[in-house]
C-alpha atoms as a PDB file:
ATOM      1  CA  MET A   1     -47.727 -16.890 -27.137  1.00  0.00           C
ATOM      2  CA  GLY A   2     -47.735 -18.366 -23.720  1.00  0.00           C
ATOM      3  CA  ILE A   3     -48.367 -16.142 -20.538  1.00  0.00           C
ATOM      4  CA  SER A   4     -44.610 -16.585 -19.481  1.00  0.00           C
ATOM      5  CA  ALA A   5     -43.500 -15.624 -22.676  1.00  0.00           C
ATOM      6  CA  CYS A   6     -45.945 -12.231 -22.345  1.00  0.00           C
ATOM      7  CA  ALA A   7     -44.633 -11.572 -18.854  1.00  0.00           C
ATOM      8  CA  GLN A   8     -40.911 -11.823 -19.873  1.00  0.00           C
ATOM      9  CA  GLN A   9     -41.816  -8.969 -22.860  1.00  0.00           C
ATOM     10  CA  LYS A  10     -43.383  -6.493 -20.396  1.00  0.00           C
ATOM     11  CA  ASN A  11     -41.295  -3.601 -19.765  1.00  0.00           C
ATOM     12  CA  VAL A  12     -41.160  -3.312 -15.662  1.00  0.00           C
ATOM     13  CA  LEU A  13     -40.438   0.605 -16.162  1.00  0.00           C
ATOM     14  CA  GLY A  14     -42.772   1.250 -19.025  1.00  0.00           C
ATOM     15  CA  THR A  15     -43.573   4.470 -17.403  1.00  0.00           C
ATOM     16  CA  ILE A  16     -40.959   6.687 -15.292  1.00  0.00           C
ATOM     17  CA  ILE A  17     -41.989   9.701 -13.901  1.00  0.00           C
ATOM     18  CA  ILE A  18     -39.431  12.672 -13.363  1.00  0.00           C
ATOM     19  CA  ASP A  19     -40.406  15.137 -10.871  1.00  0.00           C
ATOM     20  CA  PRO A  20     -37.679  18.471 -10.799  1.00  0.00           C
ATOM     21  CA  GLY A  21     -38.539  19.818  -7.310  1.00  0.00           C
ATOM     22  CA  HIS A  22     -39.704  23.091  -6.319  1.00  0.00           C
ATOM     23  CA  GLY A  23     -40.313  25.798  -9.593  1.00  0.00           C
ATOM     24  CA  GLY A  24     -42.116  28.908 -10.453  1.00  0.00           C
ATOM     25  CA  ILE A  25     -42.608  30.996  -6.896  1.00  0.00           C
ATOM     26  CA  ASP A  26     -41.349  28.195  -4.973  1.00  0.00           C
ATOM     27  CA  PRO A  27     -37.232  28.563  -5.196  1.00  0.00           C
ATOM     28  CA  GLY A  28     -37.066  25.835  -2.862  1.00  0.00           C
ATOM     29  CA  ALA A  29     -33.368  26.066  -0.669  1.00  0.00           C
ATOM     30  CA  SER A  30     -31.036  28.786  -1.988  1.00  0.00           C
ATOM     31  CA  GLY A  31     -27.421  28.660  -1.770  1.00  0.00           C
ATOM     32  CA  GLN A  32     -24.966  31.551  -2.530  1.00  0.00           C
ATOM     33  CA  PHE A  33     -25.502  31.986  -6.069  1.00  0.00           C
ATOM     34  CA  SER A  34     -28.076  29.562  -7.310  1.00  0.00           C
ATOM     35  CA  THR A  35     -31.514  27.739  -6.093  1.00  0.00           C
ATOM     36  CA  GLU A  36     -32.612  24.503  -5.788  1.00  0.00           C
ATOM     37  CA  ALA A  37     -35.704  25.050  -8.821  1.00  0.00           C
ATOM     38  CA  ALA A  38     -33.076  25.689 -11.004  1.00  0.00           C
ATOM     39  CA  VAL A  39     -30.566  23.208 -10.123  1.00  0.00           C
ATOM     40  CA  ALA A  40     -32.943  20.515  -9.775  1.00  0.00           C
ATOM     41  CA  LEU A  41     -34.828  21.060 -12.683  1.00  0.00           C
ATOM     42  CA  LYS A  42     -31.288  21.243 -14.877  1.00  0.00           C
ATOM     43  CA  ILE A  43     -30.527  17.885 -13.492  1.00  0.00           C
ATOM     44  CA  SER A  44     -33.844  16.290 -14.405  1.00  0.00           C
ATOM     45  CA  LEU A  45     -33.330  17.175 -17.714  1.00  0.00           C
ATOM     46  CA  LYS A  46     -30.260  15.869 -17.912  1.00  0.00           C
ATOM     47  CA  LEU A  47     -31.466  12.659 -16.702  1.00  0.00           C
ATOM     48  CA  GLY A  48     -34.572  12.564 -18.537  1.00  0.00           C
ATOM     49  CA  LYS A  49     -31.697  12.916 -22.020  1.00  0.00           C
ATOM     50  CA  ALA A  50     -29.687  10.011 -20.166  1.00  0.00           C
ATOM     51  CA  LEU A  51     -32.363   7.408 -19.757  1.00  0.00           C
ATOM     52  CA  ALA A  52     -34.223   8.114 -22.966  1.00  0.00           C
ATOM     53  CA  THR A  53     -30.666   6.853 -24.702  1.00  0.00           C
ATOM     54  CA  GLU A  54     -30.383   4.145 -22.015  1.00  0.00           C
ATOM     55  CA  LEU A  55     -33.622   3.109 -21.489  1.00  0.00           C
ATOM     56  CA  PRO A  56     -35.246   3.714 -24.896  1.00  0.00           C
ATOM     57  CA  ASP A  57     -38.405   1.668 -24.533  1.00  0.00           C
ATOM     58  CA  SER A  58     -39.677   3.624 -21.477  1.00  0.00           C
ATOM     59  CA  LYS A  59     -41.901   6.323 -21.270  1.00  0.00           C
ATOM     60  CA  LEU A  60     -40.397   9.338 -19.428  1.00  0.00           C
ATOM     61  CA  ILE A  61     -43.281  12.262 -18.107  1.00  0.00           C
ATOM     62  CA  PHE A  62     -41.779  15.539 -16.271  1.00  0.00           C
ATOM     63  CA  THR A  63     -43.692  17.103 -13.833  1.00  0.00           C
ATOM     64  CA  ARG A  64     -42.312  20.327 -14.740  1.00  0.00           C
ATOM     65  CA  THR A  65     -39.717  21.286 -17.615  1.00  0.00           C
ATOM     66  CA  THR A  66     -39.284  24.866 -17.441  1.00  0.00           C
ATOM     67  CA  ASP A  67     -38.993  27.416 -13.860  1.00  0.00           C
ATOM     68  CA  GLU A  68     -42.568  27.305 -13.173  1.00  0.00           C
ATOM     69  CA  LEU A  69     -45.118  25.066 -11.192  1.00  0.00           C
ATOM     70  CA  PRO A  70     -46.380  21.915 -12.715  1.00  0.00           C
ATOM     71  CA  GLY A  71     -49.438  22.802 -14.644  1.00  0.00           C
ATOM     72  CA  GLY A  72     -48.285  26.425 -14.539  1.00  0.00           C
ATOM     73  CA  LEU A  73     -50.163  26.549 -11.391  1.00  0.00           C
ATOM     74  CA  ASN A  74     -49.867  29.485  -8.670  1.00  0.00           C
ATOM     75  CA  SER A  75     -50.417  27.279  -6.000  1.00  0.00           C
ATOM     76  CA  ILE A  76     -47.268  25.182  -4.342  1.00  0.00           C
ATOM     77  CA  HIS A  77     -50.352  23.434  -2.436  1.00  0.00           C
ATOM     78  CA  ASP A  78     -52.015  22.580  -5.837  1.00  0.00           C
ATOM     79  CA  ALA A  79     -48.718  21.786  -7.817  1.00  0.00           C
ATOM     80  CA  LEU A  80     -48.246  18.988  -5.086  1.00  0.00           C
ATOM     81  CA  ARG A  81     -51.021  17.561  -5.793  1.00  0.00           C
ATOM     82  CA  TYR A  82     -50.831  18.030  -9.622  1.00  0.00           C
ATOM     83  CA  ARG A  83     -47.852  16.001  -9.425  1.00  0.00           C
ATOM     84  CA  ALA A  84     -49.032  13.414  -7.627  1.00  0.00           C
ATOM     85  CA  ASP A  85     -52.379  13.496  -9.944  1.00  0.00           C
ATOM     86  CA  MET A  86     -49.776  13.294 -12.758  1.00  0.00           C
ATOM     87  CA  ALA A  87     -47.640  10.344 -11.812  1.00  0.00           C
ATOM     88  CA  ASN A  88     -51.118   8.247 -10.356  1.00  0.00           C
ATOM     89  CA  GLU A  89     -52.610   9.366 -13.891  1.00  0.00           C
ATOM     90  CA  ALA A  90     -49.859   7.863 -16.280  1.00  0.00           C
ATOM     91  CA  HIS A  91     -49.722   4.518 -13.958  1.00  0.00           C
ATOM     92  CA  GLY A  92     -46.326   5.307 -13.457  1.00  0.00           C
ATOM     93  CA  ASP A  93     -44.003   2.241 -12.933  1.00  0.00           C
ATOM     94  CA  LEU A  94     -41.546   4.690 -10.674  1.00  0.00           C
ATOM     95  CA  PHE A  95     -41.145   7.915  -9.571  1.00  0.00           C
ATOM     96  CA  ILE A  96     -38.291   9.783  -8.855  1.00  0.00           C
ATOM     97  CA  ALA A  97     -37.952  13.467  -7.253  1.00  0.00           C
ATOM     98  CA  ILE A  98     -34.640  15.080  -7.675  1.00  0.00           C
ATOM     99  CA  HIS A  99     -34.141  18.125  -4.973  1.00  0.00           C
ATOM    100  CA  CYS A 100     -30.935  19.714  -3.416  1.00  0.00           C
ATOM    101  CA  ASN A 101     -30.085  19.537   0.395  1.00  0.00           C
ATOM    102  CA  ALA A 102     -30.153  22.563   3.111  1.00  0.00           C
ATOM    103  CA  ASN A 103     -29.197  23.012   6.554  1.00  0.00           C
ATOM    104  CA  GLY A 104     -31.116  25.606   7.688  1.00  0.00           C
ATOM    105  CA  MET A 105     -28.139  27.788   8.078  1.00  0.00           C
ATOM    106  CA  ARG A 106     -27.077  30.881   6.367  1.00  0.00           C
ATOM    107  CA  ALA A 107     -25.613  29.335   3.067  1.00  0.00           C
ATOM    108  CA  GLY A 108     -21.583  29.400   2.631  1.00  0.00           C
ATOM    109  CA  GLY A 109     -21.159  30.296   6.429  1.00  0.00           C
ATOM    110  CA  TRP A 110     -21.514  32.784   9.416  1.00  0.00           C
ATOM    111  CA  TYR A 111     -20.289  34.704  11.643  1.00  0.00           C
ATOM    112  CA  ALA A 112     -20.277  33.766  15.405  1.00  0.00           C
ATOM    113  CA  LYS A 113     -18.619  35.574  18.731  1.00  0.00           C
ATOM    114  CA  ARG A 114     -16.757  33.261  21.047  1.00  0.00           C
ATOM    115  CA  VAL A 115     -15.139  34.245  24.475  1.00  0.00           C
ATOM    116  CA  VAL A 116     -11.724  34.267  24.332  1.00  0.00           C
ATOM    117  CA  GLY A 117     -10.783  36.058  27.931  1.00  0.00           C
ATOM    118  CA  HIS A 118     -12.089  38.330  30.912  1.00  0.00           C
ATOM    119  CA  LYS A 119     -11.038  41.980  31.924  1.00  0.00           C
ATOM    120  CA  ASN A 120     -11.761  43.556  35.181  1.00  0.00           C
ATOM    121  CA  ARG A 121     -14.245  46.307  35.067  1.00  0.00           C
ATOM    122  CA  THR A 122     -15.243  48.614  37.967  1.00  0.00           C
ATOM    123  CA  VAL A 123     -19.063  49.198  38.164  1.00  0.00           C
ATOM    124  CA  TYR A 124     -21.249  51.081  41.231  1.00  0.00           C
ATOM    125  CA  VAL A 125     -23.949  49.570  42.858  1.00  0.00           C
ATOM    126  CA  GLY A 126     -26.432  50.108  45.512  1.00  0.00           C
ATOM    127  CA  LYS A 127     -28.131  53.417  46.219  1.00  0.00           C
ATOM    128  CA  GLY A 128     -27.334  56.423  48.310  1.00  0.00           C
ATOM    129  CA  SER A 129     -25.069  55.749  50.888  1.00  0.00           C
ATOM    130  CA  LYS A 130     -24.938  51.730  50.470  1.00  0.00           C
ATOM    131  CA  LYS A 131     -23.594  52.983  46.411  1.00  0.00           C
ATOM    132  CA  HIS A 132     -20.072  51.557  46.474  1.00  0.00           C
ATOM    133  CA  LYS A 133     -17.841  50.326  43.990  1.00  0.00           C
ATOM    134  CA  LYS A 134     -17.156  46.555  42.704  1.00  0.00           C
ATOM    135  CA  THR A 135     -14.806  44.912  39.971  1.00  0.00           C
ATOM    136  CA  ILE A 136     -16.693  42.549  37.937  1.00  0.00           C
ATOM    137  CA  ARG A 137     -15.328  39.986  35.465  1.00  0.00           C
ATOM    138  CA  GLU A 138     -16.158  40.780  32.419  1.00  0.00           C
ATOM    139  CA  PRO A 139     -16.372  38.348  29.041  1.00  0.00           C
ATOM    140  CA  ILE A 140     -13.984  39.460  26.087  1.00  0.00           C
ATOM    141  CA  TYR A 141     -15.126  38.046  22.803  1.00  0.00           C
ATOM    142  CA  GLU A 142     -13.942  37.671  18.948  1.00  0.00           C
ATOM    143  CA  SER A 143     -16.009  37.065  16.197  1.00  0.00           C
ATOM    144  CA  TYR A 144     -14.997  33.885  14.008  1.00  0.00           C
ATOM    145  CA  TRP A 145     -15.988  32.708  10.635  1.00  0.00           C
ATOM    146  CA  VAL A 146     -17.976  29.322  11.000  1.00  0.00           C
ATOM    147  CA  LYS A 147     -17.972  27.242   7.577  1.00  0.00           C
ATOM    148  CA  ASN A 148     -21.242  25.894   6.863  1.00  0.00           C
ATOM    149  CA  ASN A 149     -19.852  22.506   6.086  1.00  0.00           C
ATOM    150  CA  GLU A 150     -22.904  19.959   6.068  1.00  0.00           C
ATOM    151  CA  HIS A 151     -22.712  18.306   2.379  1.00  0.00           C
ATOM    152  CA  GLY A 152     -23.492  15.138   0.851  1.00  0.00           C
ATOM    153  CA  THR A 153     -26.363  12.979  -0.966  1.00  0.00           C
ATOM    154  CA  GLU A 154     -29.317  11.699   0.405  1.00  0.00           C
ATOM    155  CA  THR A 155     -31.899   9.730  -0.682  1.00  0.00           C
ATOM    156  CA  TYR A 156     -35.833   9.229   0.962  1.00  0.00           C
ATOM    157  CA  ILE A 157     -38.418   6.834   0.452  1.00  0.00           C
ATOM    158  CA  TRP A 158     -41.936   6.773   2.651  1.00  0.00           C
ATOM    159  CA  ALA A 159     -41.716   5.965   5.574  1.00  0.00           C
ATOM    160  CA  ALA A 160     -43.243   2.118   6.026  1.00  0.00           C
ATOM    161  CA  ASP A 161     -44.805   2.499   9.304  1.00  0.00           C
ATOM    162  CA  ARG A 162     -46.959   5.528   7.839  1.00  0.00           C
ATOM    163  CA  THR A 163     -50.164   3.676   7.379  1.00  0.00           C
ATOM    164  CA  GLY A 164     -53.031   4.906   5.594  1.00  0.00           C
ATOM    165  CA  PHE A 165     -52.135   7.194   2.621  1.00  0.00           C
ATOM    166  CA  LYS A 166     -50.483   5.441   0.534  1.00  0.00           C
ATOM    167  CA  GLY A 167     -52.691   2.670   0.417  1.00  0.00           C
ATOM    168  CA  SER A 168     -55.130   5.460  -0.671  1.00  0.00           C
ATOM    169  CA  ALA A 169     -52.784   6.730  -3.523  1.00  0.00           C
ATOM    170  CA  ILE A 170     -52.192   3.052  -4.485  1.00  0.00           C
ATOM    171  CA  ASN A 171     -55.898   2.216  -4.685  1.00  0.00           C
ATOM    172  CA  SER A 172     -55.988   5.417  -7.470  1.00  0.00           C
ATOM    173  CA  THR A 173     -53.834   4.447  -9.593  1.00  0.00           C
ATOM    174  CA  GLY A 174     -55.995   0.737 -10.489  1.00  0.00           C
ATOM    175  CA  GLY A 175     -53.190  -1.474  -8.503  1.00  0.00           C
ATOM    176  CA  GLY A 176     -54.983  -1.405  -4.818  1.00  0.00           C
ATOM    177  CA  GLY A 177     -58.565  -1.317  -5.893  1.00  0.00           C
ATOM    178  CA  GLY A 178     -59.766   0.776  -9.082  1.00  0.00           C
ATOM    179  CA  ASN A 179     -61.005   3.859  -7.222  1.00  0.00           C
ATOM    180  CA  THR A 180     -61.341   7.420  -7.629  1.00  0.00           C
ATOM    181  CA  TYR A 181     -59.366  10.084  -6.813  1.00  0.00           C
ATOM    182  CA  ASP A 182     -60.300  13.021  -5.132  1.00  0.00           C
ATOM    183  CA  THR A 183     -57.877  15.972  -6.374  1.00  0.00           C
ATOM    184  CA  THR A 184     -59.900  18.244  -3.846  1.00  0.00           C
ATOM    185  CA  GLY A 185     -58.976  16.573  -0.426  1.00  0.00           C
ATOM    186  CA  GLY A 186     -56.708  14.362  -1.724  1.00  0.00           C
ATOM    187  CA  GLU A 187     -57.855  11.300   0.210  1.00  0.00           C
ATOM    188  CA  MET A 188     -59.683   8.423  -1.268  1.00  0.00           C
ATOM    189  CA  VAL A 189     -63.464   8.587  -2.129  1.00  0.00           C
ATOM    190  CA  ASP A 190     -65.954   5.909  -3.062  1.00  0.00           C
ATOM    191  CA  ASP A 191     -66.383   5.194  -6.621  1.00  0.00           C
ATOM    192  CA  SER A 192     -69.584   6.584  -8.054  1.00  0.00           C
ATOM    193  CA  THR A 193     -71.448   3.288  -7.939  1.00  0.00           C
ATOM    194  CA  ASN A 194     -70.562   2.725  -4.592  1.00  0.00           C
ATOM    195  CA  MET A 195     -69.050  -0.529  -5.726  1.00  0.00           C
ATOM    196  CA  LEU A 196     -65.999  -0.324  -3.706  1.00  0.00           C
ATOM    197  CA  ASP A 197     -65.393  -0.152   0.004  1.00  0.00           C
ATOM    198  CA  LEU A 198     -62.040   0.794   1.105  1.00  0.00           C
ATOM    199  CA  ASN A 199     -62.756   0.447   4.717  1.00  0.00           C
ATOM    200  CA  SER A 200     -63.877  -3.220   3.904  1.00  0.00           C
ATOM    201  CA  PRO A 201     -61.068  -5.633   5.267  1.00  0.00           C
ATOM    202  CA  GLU A 202     -60.430  -6.876   1.778  1.00  0.00           C
ATOM    203  CA  ALA A 203     -59.393  -3.615   0.328  1.00  0.00           C
ATOM    204  CA  LEU A 204     -57.744  -2.964   3.419  1.00  0.00           C
ATOM    205  CA  ILE A 205     -55.599  -6.367   3.042  1.00  0.00           C
ATOM    206  CA  ARG A 206     -54.972  -5.172  -0.415  1.00  0.00           C
ATOM    207  CA  SER A 207     -53.684  -2.009   0.475  1.00  0.00           C
ATOM    208  CA  GLN A 208     -51.363  -2.986   3.293  1.00  0.00           C
ATOM    209  CA  LEU A 209     -49.801  -5.846   1.057  1.00  0.00           C
ATOM    210  CA  TYR A 210     -49.470  -3.070  -2.487  1.00  0.00           C
ATOM    211  CA  GLU A 211     -47.723  -0.745   0.251  1.00  0.00           C
ATOM    212  CA  LYS A 212     -45.252  -3.636   1.425  1.00  0.00           C
ATOM    213  CA  LYS A 213     -44.375  -4.299  -1.908  1.00  0.00           C
ATOM    214  CA  TYR A 214     -43.206  -0.659  -3.148  1.00  0.00           C
ATOM    215  CA  PHE A 215     -41.674  -0.003   0.113  1.00  0.00           C
ATOM    216  CA  GLY A 216     -39.448  -3.132  -0.617  1.00  0.00           C
ATOM    217  CA  LYS A 217     -39.050  -1.702  -4.479  1.00  0.00           C
ATOM    218  CA  SER A 218     -38.279   1.462  -3.236  1.00  0.00           C
ATOM    219  CA  MET A 219     -35.713   0.886  -0.279  1.00  0.00           C
ATOM    220  CA  LEU A 220     -34.293  -1.389  -3.172  1.00  0.00           C
ATOM    221  CA  LEU A 221     -33.922   1.461  -5.536  1.00  0.00           C
ATOM    222  CA  ALA A 222     -32.721   4.112  -3.036  1.00  0.00           C
ATOM    223  CA  THR A 223     -29.996   1.963  -1.593  1.00  0.00           C
ATOM    224  CA  MET A 224     -28.392   1.209  -5.131  1.00  0.00           C
ATOM    225  CA  VAL A 225     -28.667   5.176  -5.784  1.00  0.00           C
ATOM    226  CA  GLU A 226     -26.578   5.954  -2.390  1.00  0.00           C
ATOM    227  CA  ASP A 227     -24.263   2.996  -3.324  1.00  0.00           C
ATOM    228  CA  GLU A 228     -23.751   4.687  -6.915  1.00  0.00           C
ATOM    229  CA  PHE A 229     -22.853   7.638  -5.516  1.00  0.00           C
ATOM    230  CA  ILE A 230     -20.366   6.261  -2.971  1.00  0.00           C
ATOM    231  CA  LYS A 231     -18.602   4.713  -5.939  1.00  0.00           C
ATOM    232  CA  GLU A 232     -18.150   8.157  -7.391  1.00  0.00           C
ATOM    233  CA  GLY A 233     -16.559   9.521  -4.097  1.00  0.00           C
ATOM    234  CA  ARG A 234     -19.577  11.519  -2.601  1.00  0.00           C
ATOM    235  CA  PHE A 235     -20.147  11.203   0.787  1.00  0.00           C
ATOM    236  CA  SER A 236     -23.153   9.426   1.449  1.00  0.00           C
ATOM    237  CA  ARG A 237     -25.924  10.055   4.436  1.00  0.00           C
ATOM    238  CA  GLY A 238     -27.933   7.370   2.989  1.00  0.00           C
ATOM    239  CA  VAL A 239     -31.284   6.428   2.520  1.00  0.00           C
ATOM    240  CA  LYS A 240     -33.858   7.716   4.859  1.00  0.00           C
ATOM    241  CA  GLN A 241     -37.864   7.560   5.576  1.00  0.00           C
ATOM    242  CA  ARG A 242     -39.862  10.774   5.483  1.00  0.00           C
ATOM    243  CA  ASN A 243     -42.278  10.363   8.172  1.00  0.00           C
ATOM    244  CA  GLU A 244     -45.529  12.577   9.165  1.00  0.00           C
ATOM    245  CA  LYS A 245     -43.402  15.765   8.319  1.00  0.00           C
ATOM    246  CA  GLY A 246     -42.081  14.393   5.536  1.00  0.00           C
ATOM    247  CA  ILE A 247     -42.364  15.173   1.731  1.00  0.00           C
ATOM    248  CA  TRP A 248     -46.302  14.429   0.461  1.00  0.00           C
ATOM    249  CA  VAL A 249     -45.752  13.997  -3.163  1.00  0.00           C
ATOM    250  CA  LEU A 250     -44.181  10.603  -1.927  1.00  0.00           C
ATOM    251  CA  GLN A 251     -47.212   9.471   0.196  1.00  0.00           C
ATOM    252  CA  ALA A 252     -49.153  10.052  -2.653  1.00  0.00           C
ATOM    253  CA  THR A 253     -47.889   8.632  -5.649  1.00  0.00           C
ATOM    254  CA  GLY A 254     -49.233   5.005  -6.034  1.00  0.00           C
ATOM    255  CA  MET A 255     -45.715   3.467  -7.162  1.00  0.00           C
ATOM    256  CA  PRO A 256     -41.866   2.726  -5.771  1.00  0.00           C
ATOM    257  CA  SER A 257     -40.832   6.632  -5.632  1.00  0.00           C
ATOM    258  CA  ILE A 258     -37.750   8.243  -3.995  1.00  0.00           C
ATOM    259  CA  LEU A 259     -36.405  11.710  -3.504  1.00  0.00           C
ATOM    260  CA  VAL A 260     -32.702  12.110  -4.020  1.00  0.00           C
ATOM    261  CA  GLU A 261     -31.451  14.805  -2.237  1.00  0.00           C
ATOM    262  CA  THR A 262     -28.330  15.620  -4.713  1.00  0.00           C
ATOM    263  CA  GLY A 263     -25.899  17.354  -2.562  1.00  0.00           C
ATOM    264  CA  PHE A 264     -26.104  20.518  -0.245  1.00  0.00           C
ATOM    265  CA  ILE A 265     -26.729  24.361  -2.023  1.00  0.00           C
ATOM    266  CA  THR A 266     -25.585  25.828   1.424  1.00  0.00           C
ATOM    267  CA  GLN A 267     -22.159  24.290   1.106  1.00  0.00           C
ATOM    268  CA  THR A 268     -20.145  26.211  -1.263  1.00  0.00           C
ATOM    269  CA  GLU A 269     -18.383  23.446  -2.757  1.00  0.00           C
ATOM    270  CA  GLU A 270     -21.031  21.576  -3.049  1.00  0.00           C
ATOM    271  CA  GLU A 271     -23.094  24.239  -4.371  1.00  0.00           C
ATOM    272  CA  GLU A 272     -20.629  24.634  -7.265  1.00  0.00           C
ATOM    273  CA  TYR A 273     -20.529  20.987  -7.943  1.00  0.00           C
ATOM    274  CA  ILE A 274     -24.102  20.347  -8.449  1.00  0.00           C
ATOM    275  CA  ASN A 275     -24.462  23.211 -10.485  1.00  0.00           C
ATOM    276  CA  SER A 276     -21.335  22.331 -12.619  1.00  0.00           C
ATOM    277  CA  ASP A 277     -21.778  20.466 -15.630  1.00  0.00           C
ATOM    278  CA  LYS A 278     -19.023  17.745 -14.332  1.00  0.00           C
ATOM    279  CA  GLY A 279     -20.840  17.432 -10.847  1.00  0.00           C
ATOM    280  CA  GLN A 280     -24.449  17.308 -12.899  1.00  0.00           C
ATOM    281  CA  ASP A 281     -23.009  14.415 -15.403  1.00  0.00           C
ATOM    282  CA  GLU A 282     -21.621  12.686 -12.368  1.00  0.00           C
ATOM    283  CA  ILE A 283     -25.095  12.764 -10.472  1.00  0.00           C
ATOM    284  CA  VAL A 284     -27.088  11.981 -13.740  1.00  0.00           C
ATOM    285  CA  GLN A 285     -24.353   9.009 -14.226  1.00  0.00           C
ATOM    286  CA  ALA A 286     -25.106   7.522 -10.719  1.00  0.00           C
ATOM    287  CA  ILE A 287     -28.886   7.231 -11.048  1.00  0.00           C
ATOM    288  CA  VAL A 288     -29.172   5.995 -14.046  1.00  0.00           C
ATOM    289  CA  MET A 289     -26.823   3.214 -13.178  1.00  0.00           C
ATOM    290  CA  ALA A 290     -29.110   2.493  -9.949  1.00  0.00           C
ATOM    291  CA  ILE A 291     -32.156   2.241 -11.932  1.00  0.00           C
ATOM    292  CA  LYS A 292     -30.253   0.033 -14.713  1.00  0.00           C
ATOM    293  CA  ARG A 293     -29.341  -2.489 -11.707  1.00  0.00           C
ATOM    294  CA  TYR A 294     -33.183  -1.615 -10.178  1.00  0.00           C
ATOM    295  CA  LYS A 295     -34.780  -2.697 -13.895  1.00  0.00           C
ATOM    296  CA  SER A 296     -32.583  -5.680 -13.864  1.00  0.00           C
ATOM    297  CA  SER A 297     -33.381  -6.819 -10.560  1.00  0.00           C
ATOM    298  CA  LEU A 298     -37.039  -6.596 -11.131  1.00  0.00           C
ATOM    299  CA  GLU A 299     -36.380  -8.423 -14.651  1.00  0.00           C
ATOM    300  CA  GLY A 300     -34.407 -11.122 -12.800  1.00  0.00           C
ATOM    301  CA  GLY A 301     -37.510 -11.860 -10.642  1.00  0.00           C
ATOM    302  CA  ALA A 302     -36.045 -11.604  -7.782  1.00  0.00           C
ATOM    303  CA  ALA A 303     -37.811 -10.002  -4.873  1.00  0.00           C
ATOM    304  CA  PRO A 304     -36.209  -6.837  -3.441  1.00  0.00           C
ATOM    305  CA  ALA A 305     -34.362  -7.949  -0.374  1.00  0.00           C
ATOM    306  CA  GLN A 306     -35.714  -6.658   3.029  1.00  0.00           C
ATOM    307  CA  GLN A 307     -33.335  -4.249   4.361  1.00  0.00           C
ATOM    308  CA  ALA A 308     -33.530  -3.028   7.709  1.00  0.00           C
ATOM    309  CA  ASN A 309     -35.535  -0.464   7.721  1.00  0.00           C
ATOM    310  CA  PRO A 310     -34.066   3.000   7.863  1.00  0.00           C
ATOM    311  CA  THR A 311     -35.061   4.833  10.935  1.00  0.00           C
ATOM    312  CA  PRO A 312     -37.533   7.715  10.278  1.00  0.00           C
ATOM    313  CA  THR A 313     -35.679  10.579  10.877  1.00  0.00           C
ATOM    314  CA  GLU A 314     -36.896  14.570  10.918  1.00  0.00           C
ATOM    315  CA  PRO A 315     -36.064  15.832   7.832  1.00  0.00           C
ATOM    316  CA  VAL A 316     -33.360  18.087   6.896  1.00  0.00           C
ATOM    317  CA  GLN A 317     -34.695  21.707   5.987  1.00  0.00           C
ATOM    318  CA  THR A 318     -35.290  21.400   2.285  1.00  0.00           C
ATOM    319  CA  SER A 319     -38.385  23.921   1.781  1.00  0.00           C
ATOM    320  CA  LYS A 320     -40.221  20.850   0.787  1.00  0.00           C
END
């Protein structure tokens, strides 16, 4: 069998890692009646079921399938490393994290005050013989309800202008250098034989090339995910990058990786939507369609379009 025939038979999505955000002692963002961890898990399990049907030749790995941190750990920090280690050790071809968004304000809404007018009030000022009356204008306040109305989908990718860490994670999977992954410090370390030097020009160039490769693929899939959400009538906030304050696990996975914010759990209608069977099914359908388009693009041999880099943003508070 020729080399080209073997290449054609290779499954470009042989292993897909599905990562339901948070879990256990880490509930993530809170809505009025649900938590991000619970919603993310339900959507992730449905996503896995749908992908098993649509992509039967792909191996699916979940970072968690129950309401606990991955690996049954009791440390959020350790659980993050566990997620990344699991993905890298499985030599995943794609990492998809499922989350819900929040804007840092009270779920549903809150009461605020505003000035609706003024009234005169007499006060005494001064002391002793200089004490006298003075009329002042005093504001009249009223309370009013502010609806927490921030809503929509977002898909995050690792920021292309972040250097070093992603390349180190890539090396841990064998693609950039075949090194050992240090699970205590989270950085690459030399192998036991000291045969590899991550600081060599060759290793740095190799890592940079893979960083560019994974960024392009991550960007392609993220764009497709948001495109599918738009087709379903959702409001898309677009594809965004994580900066230094972003999600660690996206920086630590040596493969194309995206994080899907399926909706704002702090907005009343959207919380109801992402908790409903209809909403979850539509979210899953959008992600599956995007993955299938992504897979077809890779199989077609066309390099992912290098789209304009999304501007690194300060992420909306998501407790991640």
